[in-house]
């Protein structure tokens, strides 16, 4: 069955937001990251640590993104779970590390924001 226009637009918006969050220039800007994170954001990182909006901003602001290898996302796909809620999955690769990722994007006040994210270390490709 072909996805509806609403599903296509919603998934596209979530994908665009996810790719922005992977951009080193965006990650280096606390204001840009804040705009993309839901106030109730939670993450279970590939490190095993739990983050909220405040703690992830501290991490992204402290890392010199220019020194890191750019993150490459592959196999990104999404599905509209309910109006205003999109689930994305993909694999990221950076600095020789592969991570399977899952994100929930929520639309609030016509803006898509990352509500939940989980990264799980993956084996070699």
PDB file of N, CA and C in Angstrom:
ATOM      1  N   UNK A   1       0.821  -1.166   0.000  1.00  0.00           N
ATOM      2  CA  UNK A   1       0.000   0.000   0.000  1.00  0.00           C
ATOM      3  C   UNK A   1       0.880   1.250   0.000  1.00  0.00           C
ATOM      4  N   UNK A   2       0.540   2.209  -0.815  1.00  0.00           N
ATOM      5  CA  UNK A   2       1.305   3.436  -0.963  1.00  0.00           C
ATOM      6  C   UNK A   2       1.042   4.363   0.228  1.00  0.00           C
ATOM      7  N   UNK A   3       2.137   4.988   0.786  1.00  0.00           N
ATOM      8  CA  UNK A   3       1.922   5.897   1.914  1.00  0.00           C
ATOM      9  C   UNK A   3       1.121   7.129   1.497  1.00  0.00           C
ATOM     10  N   UNK A   4       0.362   7.668   2.429  1.00  0.00           N
ATOM     11  CA  UNK A   4      -0.424   8.870   2.165  1.00  0.00           C
ATOM     12  C   UNK A   4       0.498  10.083   2.076  1.00  0.00           C
ATOM     13  N   UNK A   5      -0.032  11.176   1.541  1.00  0.00           N
ATOM     14  CA  UNK A   5       0.739  12.415   1.481  1.00  0.00           C
ATOM     15  C   UNK A   5       1.152  12.868   2.876  1.00  0.00           C
ATOM     16  N   UNK A   6       0.250  12.715   3.861  1.00  0.00           N
ATOM     17  CA  UNK A   6       0.588  13.101   5.234  1.00  0.00           C
ATOM     18  C   UNK A   6       1.760  12.277   5.749  1.00  0.00           C
ATOM     19  N   UNK A   7       1.736  10.974   5.490  1.00  0.00           N
ATOM     20  CA  UNK A   7       2.830  10.122   5.949  1.00  0.00           C
ATOM     21  C   UNK A   7       4.135  10.515   5.271  1.00  0.00           C
ATOM     22  N   UNK A   8       4.091  10.728   3.962  1.00  0.00           N
ATOM     23  CA  UNK A   8       5.308  11.118   3.234  1.00  0.00           C
ATOM     24  C   UNK A   8       5.877  12.432   3.764  1.00  0.00           C
ATOM     25  N   UNK A   9       5.035  13.439   3.968  1.00  0.00           N
ATOM     26  CA  UNK A   9       5.494  14.741   4.481  1.00  0.00           C
ATOM     27  C   UNK A   9       6.049  14.604   5.900  1.00  0.00           C
ATOM     28  N   UNK A  10       5.369  13.846   6.725  1.00  0.00           N
ATOM     29  CA  UNK A  10       5.797  13.672   8.114  1.00  0.00           C
ATOM     30  C   UNK A  10       7.133  12.944   8.194  1.00  0.00           C
ATOM     31  N   UNK A  11       7.269  11.862   7.459  1.00  0.00           N
ATOM     32  CA  UNK A  11       8.527  11.100   7.467  1.00  0.00           C
ATOM     33  C   UNK A  11       9.651  11.961   6.905  1.00  0.00           C
ATOM     34  N   UNK A  12       9.393  12.688   5.833  1.00  0.00           N
ATOM     35  CA  UNK A  12      10.414  13.563   5.238  1.00  0.00           C
ATOM     36  C   UNK A  12      10.877  14.616   6.251  1.00  0.00           C
ATOM     37  N   UNK A  13       9.940  15.215   6.990  1.00  0.00           N
ATOM     38  CA  UNK A  13      10.299  16.216   7.997  1.00  0.00           C
ATOM     39  C   UNK A  13      11.168  15.607   9.097  1.00  0.00           C
ATOM     40  N   UNK A  14      10.839  14.409   9.542  1.00  0.00           N
ATOM     41  CA  UNK A  14      11.628  13.735  10.577  1.00  0.00           C
ATOM     42  C   UNK A  14      13.023  13.388  10.059  1.00  0.00           C
ATOM     43  N   UNK A  15      13.104  12.891   8.844  1.00  0.00           N
ATOM     44  CA  UNK A  15      14.404  12.560   8.245  1.00  0.00           C
ATOM     45  C   UNK A  15      15.269  13.819   8.141  1.00  0.00           C
ATOM     46  N   UNK A  16      14.679  14.909   7.685  1.00  0.00           N
ATOM     47  CA  UNK A  16      15.430  16.164   7.576  1.00  0.00           C
ATOM     48  C   UNK A  16      15.949  16.608   8.940  1.00  0.00           C
ATOM     49  N   UNK A  17      15.124  16.499   9.968  1.00  0.00           N
ATOM     50  CA  UNK A  17      15.553  16.854  11.314  1.00  0.00           C
ATOM     51  C   UNK A  17      16.675  15.959  11.807  1.00  0.00           C
ATOM     52  N   UNK A  18      16.546  14.666  11.575  1.00  0.00           N
ATOM     53  CA  UNK A  18      17.577  13.707  12.005  1.00  0.00           C
ATOM     54  C   UNK A  18      18.903  14.012  11.322  1.00  0.00           C
ATOM     55  N   UNK A  19      18.865  14.263  10.022  1.00  0.00           N
ATOM     56  CA  UNK A  19      20.096  14.573   9.289  1.00  0.00           C
ATOM     57  C   UNK A  19      20.707  15.887   9.768  1.00  0.00           C
ATOM     58  N   UNK A  20      19.883  16.841  10.120  1.00  0.00           N
ATOM     59  CA  UNK A  20      20.414  18.097  10.676  1.00  0.00           C
ATOM     60  C   UNK A  20      21.148  17.818  11.980  1.00  0.00           C
ATOM     61  N   UNK A  21      20.588  16.960  12.825  1.00  0.00           N
ATOM     62  CA  UNK A  21      21.243  16.657  14.100  1.00  0.00           C
ATOM     63  C   UNK A  21      22.570  15.918  13.917  1.00  0.00           C
ATOM     64  N   UNK A  22      22.760  15.280  12.781  1.00  0.00           N
ATOM     65  CA  UNK A  22      24.029  14.602  12.507  1.00  0.00           C
ATOM     66  C   UNK A  22      25.072  15.563  11.926  1.00  0.00           C
ATOM     67  N   UNK A  23      24.650  16.742  11.512  1.00  0.00           N
ATOM     68  CA  UNK A  23      25.529  17.736  10.893  1.00  0.00           C
ATOM     69  C   UNK A  23      26.432  18.365  11.962  1.00  0.00           C
ATOM     70  N   UNK A  24      27.755  18.312  11.776  1.00  0.00           N
ATOM     71  CA  UNK A  24      28.666  18.873  12.784  1.00  0.00           C
ATOM     72  C   UNK A  24      28.411  20.355  13.070  1.00  0.00           C
ATOM     73  N   UNK A  25      28.041  21.137  12.070  1.00  0.00           N
ATOM     74  CA  UNK A  25      27.759  22.553  12.280  1.00  0.00           C
ATOM     75  C   UNK A  25      26.552  22.772  13.166  1.00  0.00           C
ATOM     76  N   UNK A  26      25.534  21.947  13.004  1.00  0.00           N
ATOM     77  CA  UNK A  26      24.343  22.039  13.848  1.00  0.00           C
ATOM     78  C   UNK A  26      24.680  21.585  15.262  1.00  0.00           C
ATOM     79  N   UNK A  27      25.386  20.475  15.381  1.00  0.00           N
ATOM     80  CA  UNK A  27      25.725  19.923  16.704  1.00  0.00           C
ATOM     81  C   UNK A  27      26.571  20.895  17.529  1.00  0.00           C
ATOM     82  N   UNK A  28      27.351  21.730  16.848  1.00  0.00           N
ATOM     83  CA  UNK A  28      28.202  22.699  17.542  1.00  0.00           C
ATOM     84  C   UNK A  28      27.414  23.911  18.040  1.00  0.00           C
ATOM     85  N   UNK A  29      26.162  24.041  17.634  1.00  0.00           N
ATOM     86  CA  UNK A  29      25.343  25.194  18.016  1.00  0.00           C
ATOM     87  C   UNK A  29      24.254  24.769  19.010  1.00  0.00           C
ATOM     88  N   UNK A  30      24.401  25.128  20.290  1.00  0.00           N
ATOM     89  CA  UNK A  30      23.370  24.760  21.268  1.00  0.00           C
ATOM     90  C   UNK A  30      21.975  25.255  20.869  1.00  0.00           C
ATOM     91  N   UNK A  31      21.884  26.436  20.280  1.00  0.00           N
ATOM     92  CA  UNK A  31      20.576  26.956  19.862  1.00  0.00           C
ATOM     93  C   UNK A  31      19.955  26.082  18.779  1.00  0.00           C
ATOM     94  N   UNK A  32      20.767  25.650  17.813  1.00  0.00           N
ATOM     95  CA  UNK A  32      20.251  24.801  16.731  1.00  0.00           C
ATOM     96  C   UNK A  32      19.816  23.446  17.265  1.00  0.00           C
ATOM     97  N   UNK A  33      20.585  22.873  18.180  1.00  0.00           N
ATOM     98  CA  UNK A  33      20.234  21.576  18.765  1.00  0.00           C
ATOM     99  C   UNK A  33      18.959  21.715  19.600  1.00  0.00           C
ATOM    100  N   UNK A  34      18.886  22.767  20.396  1.00  0.00           N
ATOM    101  CA  UNK A  34      17.707  22.995  21.240  1.00  0.00           C
ATOM    102  C   UNK A  34      16.440  23.074  20.397  1.00  0.00           C
ATOM    103  N   UNK A  35      16.525  23.730  19.258  1.00  0.00           N
ATOM    104  CA  UNK A  35      15.370  23.866  18.371  1.00  0.00           C
ATOM    105  C   UNK A  35      14.864  22.506  17.889  1.00  0.00           C
ATOM    106  N   UNK A  36      15.777  21.543  17.753  1.00  0.00           N
ATOM    107  CA  UNK A  36      15.416  20.232  17.218  1.00  0.00           C
ATOM    108  C   UNK A  36      15.025  19.210  18.295  1.00  0.00           C
ATOM    109  N   UNK A  37      15.266  19.536  19.562  1.00  0.00           N
ATOM    110  CA  UNK A  37      14.962  18.589  20.636  1.00  0.00           C
ATOM    111  C   UNK A  37      13.681  18.972  21.369  1.00  0.00           C
ATOM    112  N   UNK A  38      12.817  18.006  21.534  1.00  0.00           N
ATOM    113  CA  UNK A  38      11.592  18.175  22.304  1.00  0.00           C
ATOM    114  C   UNK A  38      11.970  18.502  23.754  1.00  0.00           C
ATOM    115  N   UNK A  39      11.195  19.340  24.434  1.00  0.00           N
ATOM    116  CA  UNK A  39      11.493  19.632  25.844  1.00  0.00           C
ATOM    117  C   UNK A  39      11.545  18.364  26.718  1.00  0.00           C
ATOM    118  N   UNK A  40      10.847  17.305  26.328  1.00  0.00           N
ATOM    119  CA  UNK A  40      10.840  16.050  27.087  1.00  0.00           C
ATOM    120  C   UNK A  40      11.794  15.008  26.511  1.00  0.00           C
ATOM    121  N   UNK A  41      12.759  15.440  25.707  1.00  0.00           N
ATOM    122  CA  UNK A  41      13.704  14.543  25.041  1.00  0.00           C
ATOM    123  C   UNK A  41      14.413  13.609  26.023  1.00  0.00           C
ATOM    124  N   UNK A  42      14.555  12.352  25.600  1.00  0.00           N
ATOM    125  CA  UNK A  42      15.331  11.334  26.321  1.00  0.00           C
ATOM    126  C   UNK A  42      16.125  10.527  25.297  1.00  0.00           C
ATOM    127  N   UNK A  43      17.340  10.164  25.666  1.00  0.00           N
ATOM    128  CA  UNK A  43      18.158   9.304  24.809  1.00  0.00           C
ATOM    129  C   UNK A  43      18.840   8.249  25.655  1.00  0.00           C
ATOM    130  N   UNK A  44      18.874   7.032  25.116  1.00  0.00           N
ATOM    131  CA  UNK A  44      19.728   5.975  25.637  1.00  0.00           C
ATOM    132  C   UNK A  44      20.828   5.820  24.610  1.00  0.00           C
ATOM    133  N   UNK A  45      22.012   6.330  24.931  1.00  0.00           N
ATOM    134  CA  UNK A  45      23.117   6.364  23.982  1.00  0.00           C
ATOM    135  C   UNK A  45      23.766   5.009  23.775  1.00  0.00           C
ATOM    136  N   UNK A  46      24.528   4.915  22.697  1.00  0.00           N
ATOM    137  CA  UNK A  46      25.264   3.682  22.403  1.00  0.00           C
ATOM    138  C   UNK A  46      26.279   3.385  23.504  1.00  0.00           C
ATOM    139  N   UNK A  47      26.626   4.413  24.282  1.00  0.00           N
ATOM    140  CA  UNK A  47      27.551   4.241  25.410  1.00  0.00           C
ATOM    141  C   UNK A  47      26.879   3.574  26.604  1.00  0.00           C
ATOM    142  N   UNK A  48      25.533   3.512  26.563  1.00  0.00           N
ATOM    143  CA  UNK A  48      24.787   2.981  27.688  1.00  0.00           C
ATOM    144  C   UNK A  48      24.289   4.064  28.630  1.00  0.00           C
ATOM    145  N   UNK A  49      24.728   5.305  28.388  1.00  0.00           N
ATOM    146  CA  UNK A  49      24.296   6.417  29.235  1.00  0.00           C
ATOM    147  C   UNK A  49      22.906   6.897  28.846  1.00  0.00           C
ATOM    148  N   UNK A  50      22.205   7.462  29.826  1.00  0.00           N
ATOM    149  CA  UNK A  50      20.893   8.075  29.599  1.00  0.00           C
ATOM    150  C   UNK A  50      21.081   9.585  29.586  1.00  0.00           C
ATOM    151  N   UNK A  51      20.482  10.237  28.608  1.00  0.00           N
ATOM    152  CA  UNK A  51      20.583  11.683  28.468  1.00  0.00           C
ATOM    153  C   UNK A  51      19.192  12.307  28.448  1.00  0.00           C
ATOM    154  N   UNK A  52      19.116  13.540  28.927  1.00  0.00           N
ATOM    155  CA  UNK A  52      17.932  14.358  28.712  1.00  0.00           C
ATOM    156  C   UNK A  52      18.382  15.560  27.878  1.00  0.00           C
ATOM    157  N   UNK A  53      17.489  16.490  27.679  1.00  0.00           N
ATOM    158  CA  UNK A  53      17.804  17.628  26.809  1.00  0.00           C
ATOM    159  C   UNK A  53      19.012  18.422  27.334  1.00  0.00           C
ATOM    160  N   UNK A  54      19.049  18.682  28.627  1.00  0.00           N
ATOM    161  CA  UNK A  54      20.142  19.461  29.208  1.00  0.00           C
ATOM    162  C   UNK A  54      21.477  18.736  29.085  1.00  0.00           C
ATOM    163  N   UNK A  55      21.504  17.451  29.428  1.00  0.00           N
ATOM    164  CA  UNK A  55      22.774  16.725  29.413  1.00  0.00           C
ATOM    165  C   UNK A  55      23.283  16.483  27.996  1.00  0.00           C
ATOM    166  N   UNK A  56      22.398  16.295  27.027  1.00  0.00           N
ATOM    167  CA  UNK A  56      22.874  16.090  25.654  1.00  0.00           C
ATOM    168  C   UNK A  56      23.423  17.397  25.084  1.00  0.00           C
ATOM    169  N   UNK A  57      22.849  18.531  25.483  1.00  0.00           N
ATOM    170  CA  UNK A  57      23.392  19.828  25.053  1.00  0.00           C
ATOM    171  C   UNK A  57      24.798  20.033  25.610  1.00  0.00           C
ATOM    172  N   UNK A  58      25.030  19.608  26.828  1.00  0.00           N
ATOM    173  CA  UNK A  58      26.366  19.724  27.415  1.00  0.00           C
ATOM    174  C   UNK A  58      27.368  18.873  26.637  1.00  0.00           C
ATOM    175  N   UNK A  59      26.955  17.688  26.225  1.00  0.00           N
ATOM    176  CA  UNK A  59      27.838  16.790  25.480  1.00  0.00           C
ATOM    177  C   UNK A  59      28.124  17.342  24.087  1.00  0.00           C
ATOM    178  N   UNK A  60      27.086  17.728  23.354  1.00  0.00           N
ATOM    179  CA  UNK A  60      27.301  18.205  21.980  1.00  0.00           C
ATOM    180  C   UNK A  60      28.077  19.517  21.959  1.00  0.00           C
ATOM    181  N   UNK A  61      27.906  20.354  22.970  1.00  0.00           N
ATOM    182  CA  UNK A  61      28.625  21.627  23.026  1.00  0.00           C
ATOM    183  C   UNK A  61      30.101  21.427  23.370  1.00  0.00           C
ATOM    184  N   UNK A  62      30.421  20.367  24.105  1.00  0.00           N
ATOM    185  CA  UNK A  62      31.790  20.141  24.570  1.00  0.00           C
ATOM    186  C   UNK A  62      32.667  19.430  23.545  1.00  0.00           C
ATOM    187  N   UNK A  63      32.067  18.753  22.576  1.00  0.00           N
ATOM    188  CA  UNK A  63      32.829  17.963  21.614  1.00  0.00           C
ATOM    189  C   UNK A  63      33.268  18.846  20.451  1.00  0.00           C
ATOM    190  N   UNK A  64      34.552  18.725  20.071  1.00  0.00           N
ATOM    191  CA  UNK A  64      35.041  19.438  18.894  1.00  0.00           C
ATOM    192  C   UNK A  64      34.652  18.625  17.666  1.00  0.00           C
ATOM    193  N   UNK A  65      33.524  18.984  17.072  1.00  0.00           N
ATOM    194  CA  UNK A  65      32.988  18.229  15.940  1.00  0.00           C
ATOM    195  C   UNK A  65      33.908  18.279  14.722  1.00  0.00           C
ATOM    196  N   UNK A  66      34.720  19.322  14.597  1.00  0.00           N
ATOM    197  CA  UNK A  66      35.620  19.427  13.444  1.00  0.00           C
ATOM    198  C   UNK A  66      36.713  18.370  13.491  1.00  0.00           C
ATOM    199  N   UNK A  67      36.990  17.836  14.694  1.00  0.00           N
ATOM    200  CA  UNK A  67      38.027  16.818  14.852  1.00  0.00           C
ATOM    201  C   UNK A  67      37.493  15.409  14.584  1.00  0.00           C
ATOM    202  N   UNK A  68      36.173  15.278  14.495  1.00  0.00           N
ATOM    203  CA  UNK A  68      35.566  13.962  14.301  1.00  0.00           C
ATOM    204  C   UNK A  68      35.309  13.694  12.826  1.00  0.00           C
ATOM    205  N   UNK A  69      35.331  12.425  12.499  1.00  0.00           N
ATOM    206  CA  UNK A  69      34.934  11.991  11.159  1.00  0.00           C
ATOM    207  C   UNK A  69      33.431  12.250  11.017  1.00  0.00           C
ATOM    208  N   UNK A  70      32.987  12.774   9.871  1.00  0.00           N
ATOM    209  CA  UNK A  70      31.542  13.001   9.706  1.00  0.00           C
ATOM    210  C   UNK A  70      30.760  11.691   9.870  1.00  0.00           C
ATOM    211  N   UNK A  71      29.584  11.799  10.440  1.00  0.00           N
ATOM    212  CA  UNK A  71      28.720  10.640  10.623  1.00  0.00           C
ATOM    213  C   UNK A  71      27.972  10.372   9.327  1.00  0.00           C
ATOM    214  N   UNK A  72      27.991   9.108   8.895  1.00  0.00           N
ATOM    215  CA  UNK A  72      27.273   8.692   7.695  1.00  0.00           C
ATOM    216  C   UNK A  72      26.081   7.847   8.130  1.00  0.00           C
ATOM    217  N   UNK A  73      24.900   8.228   7.662  1.00  0.00           N
ATOM    218  CA  UNK A  73      23.679   7.478   7.976  1.00  0.00           C
ATOM    219  C   UNK A  73      23.274   6.667   6.755  1.00  0.00           C
ATOM    220  N   UNK A  74      22.987   5.379   6.957  1.00  0.00           N
ATOM    221  CA  UNK A  74      22.544   4.525   5.854  1.00  0.00           C
ATOM    222  C   UNK A  74      21.277   3.791   6.251  1.00  0.00           C
ATOM    223  N   UNK A  75      20.504   3.437   5.246  1.00  0.00           N
ATOM    224  CA  UNK A  75      19.312   2.629   5.461  1.00  0.00           C
ATOM    225  C   UNK A  75      18.228   3.336   6.259  1.00  0.00           C
ATOM    226  N   UNK A  76      18.200   4.671   6.189  1.00  0.00           N
ATOM    227  CA  UNK A  76      17.204   5.389   6.984  1.00  0.00           C
ATOM    228  C   UNK A  76      15.813   5.166   6.410  1.00  0.00           C
ATOM    229  N   UNK A  77      14.902   4.771   7.293  1.00  0.00           N
ATOM    230  CA  UNK A  77      13.512   4.602   6.887  1.00  0.00           C
ATOM    231  C   UNK A  77      12.629   5.056   8.034  1.00  0.00           C
ATOM    232  N   UNK A  78      11.398   5.409   7.681  1.00  0.00           N
ATOM    233  CA  UNK A  78      10.496   5.912   8.696  1.00  0.00           C
ATOM    234  C   UNK A  78       9.071   5.498   8.440  1.00  0.00           C
ATOM    235  N   UNK A  79       8.284   5.587   9.502  1.00  0.00           N
ATOM    236  CA  UNK A  79       6.867   5.268   9.417  1.00  0.00           C
ATOM    237  C   UNK A  79       6.106   6.218  10.335  1.00  0.00           C
ATOM    238  N   UNK A  80       4.955   6.656   9.864  1.00  0.00           N
ATOM    239  CA  UNK A  80       4.064   7.486  10.662  1.00  0.00           C
ATOM    240  C   UNK A  80       3.292   6.557  11.591  1.00  0.00           C
ATOM    241  N   UNK A  81       3.540   6.667  12.908  1.00  0.00           N
ATOM    242  CA  UNK A  81       2.865   5.801  13.874  1.00  0.00           C
ATOM    243  C   UNK A  81       1.470   6.320  14.204  1.00  0.00           C
ATOM    244  N   UNK A  82       1.341   7.621  14.238  1.00  0.00           N
ATOM    245  CA  UNK A  82       0.082   8.310  14.543  1.00  0.00           C
ATOM    246  C   UNK A  82       0.259   9.737  14.035  1.00  0.00           C
ATOM    247  N   UNK A  83      -0.812  10.471  13.863  1.00  0.00           N
ATOM    248  CA  UNK A  83      -0.633  11.859  13.444  1.00  0.00           C
ATOM    249  C   UNK A  83       0.331  12.584  14.398  1.00  0.00           C
ATOM    250  N   UNK A  84       1.385  13.158  13.828  1.00  0.00           N
ATOM    251  CA  UNK A  84       2.352  13.891  14.636  1.00  0.00           C
ATOM    252  C   UNK A  84       3.397  13.049  15.327  1.00  0.00           C
ATOM    253  N   UNK A  85       3.554  11.761  14.949  1.00  0.00           N
ATOM    254  CA  UNK A  85       4.549  10.891  15.578  1.00  0.00           C
ATOM    255  C   UNK A  85       5.174   9.972  14.527  1.00  0.00           C
ATOM    256  N   UNK A  86       6.479  10.141  14.302  1.00  0.00           N
ATOM    257  CA  UNK A  86       7.211   9.361  13.289  1.00  0.00           C
ATOM    258  C   UNK A  86       8.326   8.574  13.958  1.00  0.00           C
ATOM    259  N   UNK A  87       8.470   7.310  13.554  1.00  0.00           N
ATOM    260  CA  UNK A  87       9.556   6.452  14.019  1.00  0.00           C
ATOM    261  C   UNK A  87      10.557   6.288  12.879  1.00  0.00           C
ATOM    262  N   UNK A  88      11.833   6.608  13.145  1.00  0.00           N
ATOM    263  CA  UNK A  88      12.913   6.424  12.170  1.00  0.00           C
ATOM    264  C   UNK A  88      13.870   5.351  12.666  1.00  0.00           C
ATOM    265  N   UNK A  89      14.430   4.586  11.736  1.00  0.00           N
ATOM    266  CA  UNK A  89      15.512   3.659  12.050  1.00  0.00           C
ATOM    267  C   UNK A  89      16.592   3.813  10.985  1.00  0.00           C
ATOM    268  N   UNK A  90      17.847   3.608  11.397  1.00  0.00           N
ATOM    269  CA  UNK A  90      18.971   3.676  10.455  1.00  0.00           C
ATOM    270  C   UNK A  90      20.236   3.187  11.151  1.00  0.00           C
ATOM    271  N   UNK A  91      21.307   3.105  10.395  1.00  0.00           N
ATOM    272  CA  UNK A  91      22.618   2.753  10.928  1.00  0.00           C
ATOM    273  C   UNK A  91      23.529   3.951  10.706  1.00  0.00           C
ATOM    274  N   UNK A  92      24.272   4.322  11.742  1.00  0.00           N
ATOM    275  CA  UNK A  92      25.251   5.398  11.598  1.00  0.00           C
ATOM    276  C   UNK A  92      26.651   4.799  11.684  1.00  0.00           C
ATOM    277  N   UNK A  93      27.565   5.442  10.965  1.00  0.00           N
ATOM    278  CA  UNK A  93      28.970   5.043  11.019  1.00  0.00           C
ATOM    279  C   UNK A  93      29.810   6.292  11.175  1.00  0.00           C
ATOM    280  N   UNK A  94      30.712   6.268  12.167  1.00  0.00           N
ATOM    281  CA  UNK A  94      31.610   7.386  12.420  1.00  0.00           C
ATOM    282  C   UNK A  94      32.801   6.866  13.203  1.00  0.00           C
ATOM    283  N   UNK A  95      33.988   7.313  12.811  1.00  0.00           N
ATOM    284  CA  UNK A  95      35.213   6.913  13.505  1.00  0.00           C
ATOM    285  C   UNK A  95      35.329   5.395  13.631  1.00  0.00           C
ATOM    286  N   UNK A  96      34.886   4.656  12.593  1.00  0.00           N
ATOM    287  CA  UNK A  96      34.979   3.203  12.587  1.00  0.00           C
ATOM    288  C   UNK A  96      33.963   2.488  13.456  1.00  0.00           C
ATOM    289  N   UNK A  97      32.982   3.195  13.941  1.00  0.00           N
ATOM    290  CA  UNK A  97      31.977   2.616  14.844  1.00  0.00           C
ATOM    291  C   UNK A  97      30.613   2.620  14.169  1.00  0.00           C
ATOM    292  N   UNK A  98      29.957   1.453  14.179  1.00  0.00           N
ATOM    293  CA  UNK A  98      28.603   1.317  13.617  1.00  0.00           C
ATOM    294  C   UNK A  98      27.595   1.239  14.758  1.00  0.00           C
ATOM    295  N   UNK A  99      26.505   2.008  14.606  1.00  0.00           N
ATOM    296  CA  UNK A  99      25.472   2.042  15.631  1.00  0.00           C
ATOM    297  C   UNK A  99      24.109   1.958  14.950  1.00  0.00           C
ATOM    298  N   UNK A 100      23.268   1.034  15.428  1.00  0.00           N
ATOM    299  CA  UNK A 100      21.885   0.957  14.960  1.00  0.00           C
ATOM    300  C   UNK A 100      21.097   1.973  15.773  1.00  0.00           C
ATOM    301  N   UNK A 101      20.315   2.809  15.074  1.00  0.00           N
ATOM    302  CA  UNK A 101      19.640   3.924  15.739  1.00  0.00           C
ATOM    303  C   UNK A 101      18.132   3.883  15.516  1.00  0.00           C
ATOM    304  N   UNK A 102      17.416   4.363  16.522  1.00  0.00           N
ATOM    305  CA  UNK A 102      15.961   4.439  16.488  1.00  0.00           C
ATOM    306  C   UNK A 102      15.557   5.777  17.092  1.00  0.00           C
ATOM    307  N   UNK A 103      14.723   6.521  16.381  1.00  0.00           N
ATOM    308  CA  UNK A 103      14.298   7.839  16.847  1.00  0.00           C
ATOM    309  C   UNK A 103      12.791   7.990  16.732  1.00  0.00           C
ATOM    310  N   UNK A 104      12.213   8.690  17.706  1.00  0.00           N
ATOM    311  CA  UNK A 104      10.812   9.090  17.634  1.00  0.00           C
ATOM    312  C   UNK A 104      10.771  10.607  17.523  1.00  0.00           C
ATOM    313  N   UNK A 105      10.129  11.089  16.471  1.00  0.00           N
ATOM    314  CA  UNK A 105       9.961  12.519  16.230  1.00  0.00           C
ATOM    315  C   UNK A 105       8.508  12.888  16.468  1.00  0.00           C
ATOM    316  N   UNK A 106       8.316  13.976  17.208  1.00  0.00           N
ATOM    317  CA  UNK A 106       6.975  14.416  17.563  1.00  0.00           C
ATOM    318  C   UNK A 106       6.751  15.841  17.047  1.00  0.00           C
ATOM    319  N   UNK A 107       5.586  16.052  16.462  1.00  0.00           N
ATOM    320  CA  UNK A 107       5.228  17.395  15.989  1.00  0.00           C
ATOM    321  C   UNK A 107       4.465  18.102  17.092  1.00  0.00           C
ATOM    322  N   UNK A 108       4.968  19.280  17.462  1.00  0.00           N
ATOM    323  CA  UNK A 108       4.317  20.138  18.456  1.00  0.00           C
ATOM    324  C   UNK A 108       4.296  21.544  17.896  1.00  0.00           C
ATOM    325  N   UNK A 109       3.129  22.149  17.878  1.00  0.00           N
ATOM    326  CA  UNK A 109       2.999  23.525  17.376  1.00  0.00           C
ATOM    327  C   UNK A 109       3.609  23.659  15.982  1.00  0.00           C
ATOM    328  N   UNK A 110       3.312  22.710  15.113  1.00  0.00           N
ATOM    329  CA  UNK A 110       3.755  22.692  13.709  1.00  0.00           C
ATOM    330  C   UNK A 110       5.266  22.523  13.549  1.00  0.00           C
ATOM    331  N   UNK A 111       5.974  22.148  14.603  1.00  0.00           N
ATOM    332  CA  UNK A 111       7.419  21.942  14.517  1.00  0.00           C
ATOM    333  C   UNK A 111       7.752  20.504  14.910  1.00  0.00           C
ATOM    334  N   UNK A 112       8.573  19.845  14.104  1.00  0.00           N
ATOM    335  CA  UNK A 112       9.014  18.481  14.403  1.00  0.00           C
ATOM    336  C   UNK A 112      10.238  18.534  15.298  1.00  0.00           C
ATOM    337  N   UNK A 113      10.197  17.764  16.396  1.00  0.00           N
ATOM    338  CA  UNK A 113      11.311  17.705  17.332  1.00  0.00           C
ATOM    339  C   UNK A 113      11.560  16.257  17.747  1.00  0.00           C
ATOM    340  N   UNK A 114      12.828  15.980  18.031  1.00  0.00           N
ATOM    341  CA  UNK A 114      13.223  14.644  18.469  1.00  0.00           C
ATOM    342  C   UNK A 114      12.766  14.430  19.907  1.00  0.00           C
ATOM    343  N   UNK A 115      11.913  13.431  20.095  1.00  0.00           N
ATOM    344  CA  UNK A 115      11.343  13.118  21.402  1.00  0.00           C
ATOM    345  C   UNK A 115      12.152  12.023  22.116  1.00  0.00           C
ATOM    346  N   UNK A 116      12.573  10.994  21.381  1.00  0.00           N
ATOM    347  CA  UNK A 116      13.294   9.876  21.960  1.00  0.00           C
ATOM    348  C   UNK A 116      14.299   9.345  20.958  1.00  0.00           C
ATOM    349  N   UNK A 117      15.468   8.950  21.453  1.00  0.00           N
ATOM    350  CA  UNK A 117      16.485   8.366  20.578  1.00  0.00           C
ATOM    351  C   UNK A 117      17.222   7.257  21.330  1.00  0.00           C
ATOM    352  N   UNK A 118      17.529   6.195  20.599  1.00  0.00           N
ATOM    353  CA  UNK A 118      18.334   5.114  21.170  1.00  0.00           C
ATOM    354  C   UNK A 118      19.364   4.675  20.148  1.00  0.00           C
ATOM    355  N   UNK A 119      20.590   4.497  20.624  1.00  0.00           N
ATOM    356  CA  UNK A 119      21.674   3.966  19.799  1.00  0.00           C
ATOM    357  C   UNK A 119      22.185   2.682  20.405  1.00  0.00           C
ATOM    358  N   UNK A 120      22.317   1.646  19.572  1.00  0.00           N
ATOM    359  CA  UNK A 120      22.791   0.343  20.030  1.00  0.00           C
ATOM    360  C   UNK A 120      24.002  -0.039  19.186  1.00  0.00           C
ATOM    361  N   UNK A 121      25.153  -0.305  19.800  1.00  0.00           N
ATOM    362  CA  UNK A 121      26.324  -0.696  19.029  1.00  0.00           C
ATOM    363  C   UNK A 121      25.995  -1.877  18.109  1.00  0.00           C
ATOM    364  N   UNK A 122      26.499  -1.802  16.883  1.00  0.00           N
ATOM    365  CA  UNK A 122      26.269  -2.856  15.887  1.00  0.00           C
ATOM    366  C   UNK A 122      27.613  -3.488  15.532  1.00  0.00           C
ATOM    367  N   UNK A 123      27.557  -4.724  15.104  1.00  0.00           N
ATOM    368  CA  UNK A 123      28.775  -5.399  14.677  1.00  0.00           C
ATOM    369  C   UNK A 123      29.267  -4.851  13.343  1.00  0.00           C
ATOM    370  N   UNK A 124      30.386  -5.363  12.862  1.00  0.00           N
ATOM    371  CA  UNK A 124      30.928  -4.908  11.578  1.00  0.00           C
ATOM    372  C   UNK A 124      29.937  -5.184  10.436  1.00  0.00           C
ATOM    373  N   UNK A 125      30.063  -4.378   9.395  1.00  0.00           N
ATOM    374  CA  UNK A 125      29.140  -4.547   8.255  1.00  0.00           C
ATOM    375  C   UNK A 125      29.475  -5.747   7.414  1.00  0.00           C
TER     376      UNK A 125
END
